[in-house]
Amino acid sequence: MAAAAREGIGVTTQNVFAGVDSHTDTLHIAVISDNGGHLADAEFTTTTAGYAAALAFIHAHGHVMAIGVEGTSSYGAGFTRAACSAGHRVIEASRPDRAERRRTGKSDPIDAYTAARAALSGRASSALKNDTVTGIHAPHDAARSAVKARTAALNQTGSTLITAPEAIRGKYGPLKSRTAPMPRPGYGRPETQSTSRS
């Protein structure tokens, strides 16, 4: 459900730019004129109905030139897809640096207006990542996480072996090497022989 806008909505033919500060459950929309003047801002939910209401809110203020979105491939992914499907030009707006945050403050409306100004000024000009790129990144991210987890496990094993009894060090010593293969099930156990019945 959309929150009430800070200022009234009036249908005009002026050119406007919008900015989006996205979160898990909500996104804050800010609309500015083509000369940078603040027009209105409001909060919406990250649902299909919320995206539709947010786009209607932006469009009600004039002709939408561009929408700057923080996190087009993360929290703002759903809104980005909805806006692109509606034919809007969506631009990735980087989060303000620390110096700018100290100067302007930190709040959802402030961040949304900052994203809108970035779209207006051209500072927000990063190309959007399409679904193909996102799909390619997913397995690479999973592989990196697996490598990090394996490295951490090997390092922990090596640290533990330093004070382990000699029998344990001899049995699991090869695991101290990061390039050593992981032990298979039953590693270190006597080999069992299967028997067949005639």
N, C-alpha and C. Protein backbone atom coordinates (compact mmCIF):
# COMPACT_ATOMS: atom_id res chain seq x y z
N MET A 1 0.85 -1.20 0.00
CA MET A 1 0.00 0.00 0.00
C MET A 1 0.88 1.24 0.00
N ALA A 2 0.63 2.13 -0.89
CA ALA A 2 1.46 3.33 -1.00
C ALA A 2 1.16 4.31 0.11
N ALA A 3 2.22 4.91 0.60
CA ALA A 3 2.06 5.95 1.60
C ALA A 3 1.65 7.24 0.91
N ALA A 4 1.10 8.14 1.67
CA ALA A 4 0.68 9.42 1.09
C ALA A 4 1.90 10.20 0.63
N ALA A 5 1.79 10.84 -0.50
CA ALA A 5 2.91 11.64 -1.02
C ALA A 5 3.09 12.86 -0.16
N ARG A 6 4.34 13.35 -0.15
CA ARG A 6 4.63 14.53 0.66
C ARG A 6 4.01 15.77 0.05
N GLU A 7 3.77 15.72 -1.27
CA GLU A 7 3.11 16.85 -1.92
C GLU A 7 2.04 16.30 -2.84
N GLY A 8 1.10 17.11 -3.19
CA GLY A 8 0.00 16.65 -4.02
C GLY A 8 0.44 16.30 -5.42
N ILE A 9 -0.34 15.43 -6.08
CA ILE A 9 -0.04 14.99 -7.42
C ILE A 9 -0.85 15.81 -8.40
N GLY A 10 -0.21 16.35 -9.40
CA GLY A 10 -0.94 17.08 -10.42
C GLY A 10 -0.44 16.67 -11.78
N VAL A 11 -1.32 16.32 -12.68
CA VAL A 11 -0.92 15.85 -13.99
C VAL A 11 -0.41 17.04 -14.81
N THR A 12 0.83 16.96 -15.27
CA THR A 12 1.42 18.03 -16.05
C THR A 12 2.14 17.43 -17.25
N THR A 13 2.61 18.28 -18.11
CA THR A 13 3.35 17.82 -19.29
C THR A 13 4.83 18.13 -19.16
N GLN A 14 5.28 18.52 -17.99
CA GLN A 14 6.69 18.84 -17.81
C GLN A 14 7.53 17.56 -17.84
N ASN A 15 8.80 17.72 -18.13
CA ASN A 15 9.73 16.59 -18.09
C ASN A 15 10.20 16.38 -16.66
N VAL A 16 10.20 15.13 -16.22
CA VAL A 16 10.59 14.83 -14.85
C VAL A 16 11.59 13.68 -14.83
N PHE A 17 12.31 13.62 -13.72
CA PHE A 17 13.24 12.52 -13.45
C PHE A 17 12.87 11.94 -12.09
N ALA A 18 13.06 10.65 -11.93
CA ALA A 18 12.71 9.99 -10.68
C ALA A 18 13.92 9.28 -10.10
N GLY A 19 13.89 9.09 -8.79
CA GLY A 19 14.95 8.35 -8.11
C GLY A 19 14.32 7.34 -7.18
N VAL A 20 14.98 6.21 -7.02
CA VAL A 20 14.44 5.13 -6.19
C VAL A 20 15.49 4.67 -5.19
N ASP A 21 15.11 4.71 -3.91
CA ASP A 21 15.93 4.13 -2.84
C ASP A 21 15.25 2.82 -2.46
N SER A 22 15.88 1.69 -2.78
CA SER A 22 15.23 0.39 -2.62
C SER A 22 15.68 -0.35 -1.38
N HIS A 23 14.74 -1.10 -0.80
CA HIS A 23 14.99 -1.94 0.37
C HIS A 23 14.30 -3.28 0.17
N THR A 24 14.38 -4.14 1.16
CA THR A 24 13.79 -5.48 1.04
C THR A 24 12.28 -5.42 0.84
N ASP A 25 11.58 -4.66 1.68
CA ASP A 25 10.13 -4.65 1.66
C ASP A 25 9.53 -3.36 1.11
N THR A 26 10.32 -2.31 1.02
CA THR A 26 9.79 -1.02 0.55
C THR A 26 10.78 -0.36 -0.40
N LEU A 27 10.26 0.59 -1.14
CA LEU A 27 11.12 1.44 -1.96
C LEU A 27 10.58 2.86 -1.88
N HIS A 28 11.49 3.81 -1.82
CA HIS A 28 11.09 5.21 -1.71
C HIS A 28 11.33 5.88 -3.06
N ILE A 29 10.29 6.55 -3.55
CA ILE A 29 10.34 7.20 -4.85
C ILE A 29 10.39 8.71 -4.67
N ALA A 30 11.26 9.37 -5.40
CA ALA A 30 11.32 10.83 -5.42
C ALA A 30 11.25 11.30 -6.86
N VAL A 31 10.54 12.39 -7.10
CA VAL A 31 10.38 12.94 -8.44
C VAL A 31 10.87 14.39 -8.44
N ILE A 32 11.68 14.74 -9.44
CA ILE A 32 12.17 16.11 -9.56
C ILE A 32 11.89 16.62 -10.98
N SER A 33 11.88 17.92 -11.13
CA SER A 33 11.68 18.53 -12.45
C SER A 33 12.99 18.50 -13.22
N ASP A 34 12.93 18.91 -14.49
CA ASP A 34 14.14 18.88 -15.30
C ASP A 34 15.13 19.99 -14.94
N ASN A 35 14.76 20.86 -14.00
CA ASN A 35 15.72 21.84 -13.49
C ASN A 35 16.16 21.49 -12.07
N GLY A 36 15.81 20.29 -11.61
CA GLY A 36 16.26 19.80 -10.30
C GLY A 36 15.35 20.11 -9.14
N GLY A 37 14.22 20.77 -9.37
CA GLY A 37 13.31 21.10 -8.27
C GLY A 37 12.58 19.88 -7.74
N HIS A 38 12.46 19.80 -6.42
CA HIS A 38 11.75 18.69 -5.80
C HIS A 38 10.25 18.82 -6.07
N LEU A 39 9.63 17.74 -6.53
CA LEU A 39 8.20 17.74 -6.79
C LEU A 39 7.43 16.95 -5.73
N ALA A 40 7.84 15.73 -5.48
CA ALA A 40 7.13 14.90 -4.49
C ALA A 40 7.92 13.63 -4.23
N ASP A 41 7.63 12.97 -3.12
CA ASP A 41 8.21 11.66 -2.84
C ASP A 41 7.22 10.85 -2.01
N ALA A 42 7.33 9.54 -2.11
CA ALA A 42 6.41 8.65 -1.40
C ALA A 42 7.04 7.27 -1.29
N GLU A 43 6.47 6.47 -0.40
CA GLU A 43 6.97 5.11 -0.17
C GLU A 43 5.97 4.09 -0.68
N PHE A 44 6.50 3.00 -1.28
CA PHE A 44 5.67 1.95 -1.82
C PHE A 44 6.23 0.60 -1.41
N THR A 45 5.41 -0.42 -1.52
CA THR A 45 5.85 -1.77 -1.18
C THR A 45 6.51 -2.43 -2.39
N THR A 46 7.37 -3.40 -2.12
CA THR A 46 8.05 -4.13 -3.20
C THR A 46 7.20 -5.32 -3.62
N THR A 47 6.04 -5.01 -4.16
CA THR A 47 5.11 -6.00 -4.69
C THR A 47 4.69 -5.57 -6.09
N THR A 48 4.01 -6.44 -6.79
CA THR A 48 3.54 -6.09 -8.13
C THR A 48 2.64 -4.86 -8.08
N ALA A 49 1.72 -4.85 -7.11
CA ALA A 49 0.82 -3.70 -6.95
C ALA A 49 1.59 -2.45 -6.56
N GLY A 50 2.61 -2.63 -5.70
CA GLY A 50 3.42 -1.49 -5.27
C GLY A 50 4.21 -0.89 -6.42
N TYR A 51 4.76 -1.75 -7.30
CA TYR A 51 5.51 -1.25 -8.45
C TYR A 51 4.58 -0.47 -9.39
N ALA A 52 3.38 -1.00 -9.61
CA ALA A 52 2.43 -0.32 -10.49
C ALA A 52 2.04 1.04 -9.92
N ALA A 53 1.81 1.09 -8.61
CA ALA A 53 1.44 2.35 -7.96
C ALA A 53 2.60 3.35 -8.02
N ALA A 54 3.82 2.84 -7.85
CA ALA A 54 5.00 3.72 -7.90
C ALA A 54 5.18 4.33 -9.28
N LEU A 55 4.99 3.52 -10.32
CA LEU A 55 5.13 4.03 -11.68
C LEU A 55 4.03 5.04 -12.01
N ALA A 56 2.82 4.76 -11.52
CA ALA A 56 1.72 5.71 -11.73
C ALA A 56 2.00 7.03 -11.02
N PHE A 57 2.58 6.94 -9.83
CA PHE A 57 2.94 8.13 -9.05
C PHE A 57 3.95 8.98 -9.81
N ILE A 58 4.97 8.33 -10.38
CA ILE A 58 5.99 9.05 -11.13
C ILE A 58 5.37 9.69 -12.38
N HIS A 59 4.60 8.91 -13.11
CA HIS A 59 4.03 9.38 -14.37
C HIS A 59 3.06 10.52 -14.18
N ALA A 60 2.41 10.57 -13.02
CA ALA A 60 1.41 11.62 -12.76
C ALA A 60 2.03 13.01 -12.70
N HIS A 61 3.36 13.08 -12.52
CA HIS A 61 4.01 14.38 -12.38
C HIS A 61 4.53 14.93 -13.70
N GLY A 62 4.47 14.15 -14.77
CA GLY A 62 4.93 14.65 -16.06
C GLY A 62 5.50 13.55 -16.92
N HIS A 63 6.18 13.95 -17.96
CA HIS A 63 6.81 13.00 -18.89
C HIS A 63 8.11 12.50 -18.28
N VAL A 64 8.20 11.19 -18.08
CA VAL A 64 9.34 10.61 -17.38
C VAL A 64 10.52 10.47 -18.34
N MET A 65 11.60 11.18 -18.05
CA MET A 65 12.80 11.13 -18.89
C MET A 65 13.70 9.95 -18.52
N ALA A 66 13.88 9.72 -17.23
CA ALA A 66 14.73 8.62 -16.77
C ALA A 66 14.46 8.38 -15.29
N ILE A 67 14.77 7.16 -14.86
CA ILE A 67 14.60 6.79 -13.45
C ILE A 67 15.92 6.24 -12.95
N GLY A 68 16.48 6.87 -11.93
CA GLY A 68 17.70 6.38 -11.31
C GLY A 68 17.36 5.45 -10.16
N VAL A 69 17.88 4.25 -10.18
CA VAL A 69 17.55 3.24 -9.17
C VAL A 69 18.81 2.76 -8.48
N GLU A 70 18.80 2.78 -7.16
CA GLU A 70 19.89 2.19 -6.39
C GLU A 70 19.64 0.69 -6.29
N GLY A 71 20.59 -0.11 -6.73
CA GLY A 71 20.46 -1.56 -6.60
C GLY A 71 19.58 -2.19 -7.65
N THR A 72 19.84 -1.91 -8.93
CA THR A 72 18.99 -2.47 -9.99
C THR A 72 19.08 -3.99 -10.06
N SER A 73 20.17 -4.57 -9.57
CA SER A 73 20.32 -6.03 -9.61
C SER A 73 20.22 -6.65 -8.23
N SER A 74 19.75 -5.86 -7.24
CA SER A 74 19.56 -6.42 -5.90
C SER A 74 18.18 -6.05 -5.39
N TYR A 75 18.09 -5.15 -4.39
CA TYR A 75 16.79 -4.80 -3.83
C TYR A 75 15.86 -4.14 -4.85
N GLY A 76 16.44 -3.43 -5.81
CA GLY A 76 15.62 -2.73 -6.80
C GLY A 76 15.36 -3.52 -8.07
N ALA A 77 15.68 -4.82 -8.08
CA ALA A 77 15.54 -5.62 -9.30
C ALA A 77 14.08 -5.72 -9.74
N GLY A 78 13.18 -5.94 -8.80
CA GLY A 78 11.76 -6.09 -9.15
C GLY A 78 11.20 -4.82 -9.76
N PHE A 79 11.48 -3.68 -9.14
CA PHE A 79 11.00 -2.41 -9.69
C PHE A 79 11.65 -2.13 -11.04
N THR A 80 12.93 -2.45 -11.18
CA THR A 80 13.63 -2.22 -12.45
C THR A 80 12.97 -2.99 -13.58
N ARG A 81 12.62 -4.25 -13.33
CA ARG A 81 11.95 -5.04 -14.37
C ARG A 81 10.60 -4.44 -14.73
N ALA A 82 9.85 -4.00 -13.71
CA ALA A 82 8.53 -3.42 -13.96
C ALA A 82 8.66 -2.12 -14.76
N ALA A 83 9.63 -1.29 -14.40
CA ALA A 83 9.82 -0.01 -15.09
C ALA A 83 10.27 -0.22 -16.53
N CYS A 84 11.19 -1.15 -16.75
CA CYS A 84 11.66 -1.42 -18.11
C CYS A 84 10.53 -2.00 -18.97
N SER A 85 9.71 -2.85 -18.36
CA SER A 85 8.58 -3.42 -19.10
C SER A 85 7.59 -2.35 -19.51
N ALA A 86 7.51 -1.28 -18.71
CA ALA A 86 6.60 -0.18 -19.02
C ALA A 86 7.22 0.80 -20.01
N GLY A 87 8.44 0.53 -20.46
CA GLY A 87 9.07 1.37 -21.46
C GLY A 87 9.90 2.52 -20.92
N HIS A 88 10.15 2.52 -19.62
CA HIS A 88 10.93 3.61 -19.03
C HIS A 88 12.42 3.36 -19.16
N ARG A 89 13.18 4.43 -19.21
CA ARG A 89 14.64 4.35 -19.21
C ARG A 89 15.12 4.30 -17.76
N VAL A 90 15.73 3.19 -17.39
CA VAL A 90 16.19 3.00 -16.01
C VAL A 90 17.71 2.99 -16.00
N ILE A 91 18.28 3.73 -15.05
CA ILE A 91 19.73 3.88 -14.93
C ILE A 91 20.17 3.44 -13.54
N GLU A 92 21.29 2.73 -13.48
CA GLU A 92 21.86 2.35 -12.19
C GLU A 92 22.44 3.58 -11.50
N ALA A 93 21.94 3.89 -10.32
CA ALA A 93 22.43 5.04 -9.54
C ALA A 93 23.25 4.52 -8.37
N SER A 94 24.53 4.80 -8.37
CA SER A 94 25.39 4.36 -7.29
C SER A 94 25.02 5.07 -5.99
N ARG A 95 25.24 4.39 -4.89
CA ARG A 95 24.96 5.01 -3.59
C ARG A 95 25.93 6.17 -3.36
N PRO A 96 25.46 7.23 -2.71
CA PRO A 96 26.33 8.39 -2.47
C PRO A 96 27.57 8.00 -1.67
N ASP A 97 28.69 8.67 -1.95
CA ASP A 97 29.89 8.38 -1.18
C ASP A 97 29.77 8.97 0.21
N ARG A 98 30.72 8.66 1.06
CA ARG A 98 30.65 9.06 2.46
C ARG A 98 30.65 10.57 2.63
N ALA A 99 31.45 11.25 1.80
CA ALA A 99 31.52 12.71 1.91
C ALA A 99 30.15 13.34 1.63
N GLU A 100 29.48 12.84 0.60
CA GLU A 100 28.16 13.39 0.26
C GLU A 100 27.14 13.04 1.33
N ARG A 101 27.24 11.83 1.91
CA ARG A 101 26.30 11.45 2.96
C ARG A 101 26.47 12.34 4.18
N ARG A 102 27.73 12.69 4.50
CA ARG A 102 27.96 13.57 5.65
C ARG A 102 27.40 14.96 5.38
N ARG A 103 27.46 15.38 4.12
CA ARG A 103 27.02 16.72 3.77
C ARG A 103 25.50 16.82 3.71
N THR A 104 24.84 15.79 3.15
CA THR A 104 23.39 15.87 2.94
C THR A 104 22.57 15.08 3.95
N GLY A 105 23.22 14.18 4.68
CA GLY A 105 22.47 13.37 5.63
C GLY A 105 22.07 12.04 5.01
N LYS A 106 21.40 11.22 5.84
CA LYS A 106 21.00 9.89 5.38
C LYS A 106 19.56 9.62 5.76
N SER A 107 18.71 9.44 4.75
CA SER A 107 17.33 9.03 4.95
C SER A 107 16.81 8.51 3.63
N ASP A 108 15.70 7.80 3.64
CA ASP A 108 15.16 7.26 2.39
C ASP A 108 14.80 8.37 1.40
N PRO A 109 14.09 9.43 1.82
CA PRO A 109 13.79 10.51 0.87
C PRO A 109 15.04 11.17 0.32
N ILE A 110 16.04 11.42 1.17
CA ILE A 110 17.27 12.05 0.71
C ILE A 110 17.96 11.17 -0.33
N ASP A 111 18.05 9.86 -0.06
CA ASP A 111 18.70 8.96 -1.01
C ASP A 111 17.93 8.87 -2.32
N ALA A 112 16.60 8.90 -2.25
CA ALA A 112 15.79 8.84 -3.46
C ALA A 112 15.99 10.11 -4.30
N TYR A 113 15.99 11.27 -3.66
CA TYR A 113 16.23 12.52 -4.39
C TYR A 113 17.64 12.55 -4.97
N THR A 114 18.60 11.99 -4.24
CA THR A 114 19.97 11.93 -4.75
C THR A 114 20.04 11.08 -6.01
N ALA A 115 19.33 9.96 -6.02
CA ALA A 115 19.30 9.08 -7.20
C ALA A 115 18.64 9.80 -8.38
N ALA A 116 17.59 10.59 -8.10
CA ALA A 116 16.91 11.33 -9.16
C ALA A 116 17.84 12.39 -9.74
N ARG A 117 18.56 13.10 -8.88
CA ARG A 117 19.50 14.13 -9.37
C ARG A 117 20.63 13.50 -10.17
N ALA A 118 21.03 12.28 -9.77
CA ALA A 118 22.08 11.59 -10.51
C ALA A 118 21.60 11.24 -11.92
N ALA A 119 20.34 10.85 -12.04
CA ALA A 119 19.77 10.55 -13.36
C ALA A 119 19.67 11.82 -14.20
N LEU A 120 19.32 12.92 -13.58
CA LEU A 120 19.20 14.20 -14.29
C LEU A 120 20.55 14.70 -14.78
N SER A 121 21.56 14.63 -13.91
CA SER A 121 22.87 15.21 -14.23
C SER A 121 23.71 14.33 -15.14
N GLY A 122 23.34 13.06 -15.26
CA GLY A 122 24.14 12.14 -16.06
C GLY A 122 25.16 11.40 -15.22
N ARG A 123 25.24 11.73 -13.92
CA ARG A 123 26.18 11.02 -13.05
C ARG A 123 25.82 9.55 -12.93
N ALA A 124 24.51 9.25 -13.00
CA ALA A 124 24.06 7.86 -13.02
C ALA A 124 23.95 7.44 -14.47
N SER A 125 24.92 6.70 -14.95
CA SER A 125 24.92 6.32 -16.36
C SER A 125 25.35 4.88 -16.57
N SER A 126 25.42 4.09 -15.49
CA SER A 126 25.86 2.70 -15.60
C SER A 126 24.82 1.88 -16.35
N ALA A 127 25.31 1.02 -17.24
CA ALA A 127 24.40 0.15 -17.98
C ALA A 127 23.81 -0.90 -17.05
N LEU A 128 22.55 -1.25 -17.29
CA LEU A 128 21.89 -2.24 -16.46
C LEU A 128 22.43 -3.63 -16.77
N LYS A 129 22.45 -4.48 -15.75
CA LYS A 129 22.82 -5.87 -15.95
C LYS A 129 21.55 -6.64 -16.33
N ASN A 130 21.59 -7.32 -17.46
CA ASN A 130 20.40 -8.06 -17.86
C ASN A 130 20.34 -9.40 -17.15
N ASP A 131 19.25 -10.13 -17.35
CA ASP A 131 19.05 -11.40 -16.65
C ASP A 131 20.09 -12.43 -17.06
N THR A 132 20.63 -12.34 -18.29
CA THR A 132 21.65 -13.29 -18.73
C THR A 132 22.92 -13.13 -17.91
N VAL A 133 23.33 -11.87 -17.72
CA VAL A 133 24.53 -11.60 -16.93
C VAL A 133 24.33 -12.05 -15.49
N THR A 134 23.14 -11.78 -14.93
CA THR A 134 22.85 -12.20 -13.57
C THR A 134 22.92 -13.72 -13.44
N GLY A 135 22.40 -14.42 -14.46
CA GLY A 135 22.43 -15.87 -14.45
C GLY A 135 23.84 -16.42 -14.51
N ILE A 136 24.72 -15.74 -15.26
CA ILE A 136 26.11 -16.17 -15.35
C ILE A 136 26.83 -15.95 -14.03
N HIS A 137 26.52 -14.84 -13.36
CA HIS A 137 27.20 -14.53 -12.10
C HIS A 137 26.83 -15.52 -11.00
N ALA A 138 25.61 -16.04 -11.02
CA ALA A 138 25.14 -16.89 -9.93
C ALA A 138 26.04 -18.11 -9.70
N PRO A 139 26.34 -18.94 -10.73
CA PRO A 139 27.20 -20.09 -10.48
C PRO A 139 28.62 -19.70 -10.10
N HIS A 140 29.12 -18.57 -10.64
CA HIS A 140 30.46 -18.12 -10.26
C HIS A 140 30.50 -17.72 -8.79
N ASP A 141 29.45 -17.04 -8.32
CA ASP A 141 29.39 -16.66 -6.91
C ASP A 141 29.35 -17.90 -6.02
N ALA A 142 28.57 -18.91 -6.45
CA ALA A 142 28.47 -20.15 -5.67
C ALA A 142 29.83 -20.86 -5.63
N ALA A 143 30.53 -20.85 -6.76
CA ALA A 143 31.85 -21.51 -6.81
C ALA A 143 32.85 -20.79 -5.90
N ARG A 144 32.82 -19.45 -5.92
CA ARG A 144 33.74 -18.69 -5.05
C ARG A 144 33.45 -18.98 -3.58
N SER A 145 32.17 -19.07 -3.24
CA SER A 145 31.81 -19.36 -1.85
C SER A 145 32.30 -20.74 -1.45
N ALA A 146 32.19 -21.72 -2.37
CA ALA A 146 32.63 -23.08 -2.06
C ALA A 146 34.15 -23.11 -1.86
N VAL A 147 34.90 -22.38 -2.69
CA VAL A 147 36.35 -22.34 -2.56
C VAL A 147 36.75 -21.70 -1.23
N LYS A 148 36.07 -20.62 -0.86
CA LYS A 148 36.37 -19.96 0.41
C LYS A 148 36.08 -20.88 1.60
N ALA A 149 34.97 -21.61 1.53
CA ALA A 149 34.61 -22.52 2.63
C ALA A 149 35.63 -23.64 2.74
N ARG A 150 36.08 -24.17 1.59
CA ARG A 150 37.06 -25.25 1.61
C ARG A 150 38.39 -24.76 2.18
N THR A 151 38.80 -23.55 1.75
CA THR A 151 40.05 -22.99 2.26
C THR A 151 40.00 -22.79 3.76
N ALA A 152 38.87 -22.28 4.26
CA ALA A 152 38.71 -22.07 5.70
C ALA A 152 38.78 -23.39 6.45
N ALA A 153 38.17 -24.44 5.88
CA ALA A 153 38.18 -25.75 6.53
C ALA A 153 39.60 -26.32 6.58
N LEU A 154 40.34 -26.17 5.47
CA LEU A 154 41.72 -26.66 5.44
C LEU A 154 42.61 -25.90 6.42
N ASN A 155 42.42 -24.59 6.50
CA ASN A 155 43.21 -23.80 7.46
C ASN A 155 42.91 -24.21 8.89
N GLN A 156 41.63 -24.44 9.18
CA GLN A 156 41.26 -24.85 10.54
C GLN A 156 41.84 -26.23 10.86
N THR A 157 41.81 -27.11 9.87
CA THR A 157 42.37 -28.45 10.07
C THR A 157 43.87 -28.37 10.34
N GLY A 158 44.57 -27.52 9.56
CA GLY A 158 46.00 -27.37 9.76
C GLY A 158 46.33 -26.84 11.14
N SER A 159 45.54 -25.87 11.63
CA SER A 159 45.77 -25.31 12.96
C SER A 159 45.55 -26.37 14.04
N THR A 160 44.52 -27.18 13.84
CA THR A 160 44.21 -28.22 14.83
C THR A 160 45.30 -29.28 14.87
N LEU A 161 45.88 -29.61 13.71
CA LEU A 161 46.90 -30.66 13.65
C LEU A 161 48.20 -30.28 14.35
N ILE A 162 48.40 -28.98 14.56
CA ILE A 162 49.65 -28.55 15.20
C ILE A 162 49.81 -29.18 16.57
N THR A 163 48.72 -29.26 17.33
CA THR A 163 48.80 -29.80 18.69
C THR A 163 48.19 -31.19 18.80
N ALA A 164 47.86 -31.79 17.67
CA ALA A 164 47.23 -33.12 17.70
C ALA A 164 48.26 -34.20 17.99
N PRO A 165 47.84 -35.35 18.51
CA PRO A 165 48.76 -36.47 18.72
C PRO A 165 49.40 -36.91 17.41
N GLU A 166 50.56 -37.59 17.52
CA GLU A 166 51.30 -37.99 16.34
C GLU A 166 50.48 -38.87 15.40
N ALA A 167 49.69 -39.76 15.96
CA ALA A 167 48.90 -40.66 15.12
C ALA A 167 47.90 -39.87 14.27
N ILE A 168 47.30 -38.83 14.87
CA ILE A 168 46.34 -38.00 14.13
C ILE A 168 47.05 -37.18 13.07
N ARG A 169 48.22 -36.62 13.43
CA ARG A 169 48.95 -35.82 12.44
C ARG A 169 49.38 -36.65 11.25
N GLY A 170 49.80 -37.89 11.52
CA GLY A 170 50.22 -38.76 10.43
C GLY A 170 49.07 -39.14 9.52
N LYS A 171 47.90 -39.29 10.11
CA LYS A 171 46.73 -39.72 9.34
C LYS A 171 46.15 -38.60 8.49
N TYR A 172 46.10 -37.39 9.08
CA TYR A 172 45.44 -36.28 8.39
C TYR A 172 46.39 -35.17 7.95
N GLY A 173 47.69 -35.40 8.09
CA GLY A 173 48.68 -34.40 7.71
C GLY A 173 48.53 -33.88 6.29
N PRO A 174 48.24 -34.75 5.31
CA PRO A 174 48.12 -34.24 3.92
C PRO A 174 47.07 -33.16 3.76
N LEU A 175 46.11 -33.07 4.68
CA LEU A 175 45.05 -32.07 4.54
C LEU A 175 45.55 -30.65 4.80
N LYS A 176 46.76 -30.51 5.34
CA LYS A 176 47.29 -29.18 5.60
C LYS A 176 47.56 -28.43 4.29
N SER A 177 47.79 -29.14 3.24
CA SER A 177 48.03 -28.50 1.94
C SER A 177 46.71 -28.09 1.31
N ARG A 178 46.64 -26.86 0.85
CA ARG A 178 45.41 -26.38 0.22
C ARG A 178 45.11 -27.10 -1.08
N THR A 179 46.17 -27.66 -1.68
CA THR A 179 45.97 -28.34 -2.95
C THR A 179 45.71 -29.82 -2.77
N ALA A 180 45.76 -30.30 -1.53
CA ALA A 180 45.51 -31.71 -1.29
C ALA A 180 44.05 -32.03 -1.52
N PRO A 181 43.77 -33.21 -2.07
CA PRO A 181 42.38 -33.57 -2.30
C PRO A 181 41.64 -33.79 -1.00
N MET A 182 40.36 -33.50 -1.00
CA MET A 182 39.54 -33.75 0.18
C MET A 182 39.41 -35.25 0.38
N PRO A 183 39.39 -35.71 1.63
CA PRO A 183 39.30 -37.16 1.87
C PRO A 183 37.96 -37.71 1.43
N ARG A 184 38.02 -38.90 0.86
CA ARG A 184 36.79 -39.56 0.45
C ARG A 184 36.15 -40.23 1.66
N PRO A 185 34.88 -40.56 1.60
CA PRO A 185 34.23 -41.27 2.72
C PRO A 185 35.00 -42.55 3.03
N GLY A 186 35.27 -42.76 4.33
CA GLY A 186 35.99 -43.95 4.74
C GLY A 186 37.49 -43.78 4.71
N TYR A 187 37.97 -42.53 4.50
CA TYR A 187 39.41 -42.27 4.44
C TYR A 187 40.06 -42.70 5.74
N GLY A 188 41.12 -43.49 5.64
CA GLY A 188 41.85 -43.92 6.82
C GLY A 188 41.33 -45.19 7.43
N ARG A 189 40.22 -45.70 6.93
CA ARG A 189 39.68 -46.95 7.47
C ARG A 189 40.23 -48.13 6.68
N PRO A 190 40.34 -49.29 7.31
CA PRO A 190 40.80 -50.47 6.58
C PRO A 190 39.87 -50.75 5.42
N GLU A 191 40.45 -51.15 4.28
CA GLU A 191 39.65 -51.47 3.13
C GLU A 191 38.82 -52.73 3.41
N THR A 192 37.60 -52.68 3.01
CA THR A 192 36.73 -53.83 3.20
C THR A 192 36.59 -54.55 1.87
N GLN A 193 36.59 -55.83 1.93
CA GLN A 193 36.48 -56.63 0.73
C GLN A 193 35.08 -57.21 0.64
N SER A 194 34.51 -57.11 -0.55
CA SER A 194 33.18 -57.65 -0.74
C SER A 194 33.29 -59.09 -1.18
N THR A 195 32.39 -59.89 -0.77
CA THR A 195 32.38 -61.31 -1.13
C THR A 195 31.19 -61.58 -2.00
N SER A 196 31.36 -62.46 -2.94
CA SER A 196 30.25 -62.83 -3.81
C SER A 196 29.84 -64.25 -3.55
N ARG A 197 28.61 -64.49 -3.71
CA ARG A 197 28.07 -65.83 -3.51
C ARG A 197 28.00 -66.55 -4.85
N SER A 198 28.41 -67.77 -4.84
CA SER A 198 28.37 -68.54 -6.08
C SER A 198 26.96 -69.05 -6.33
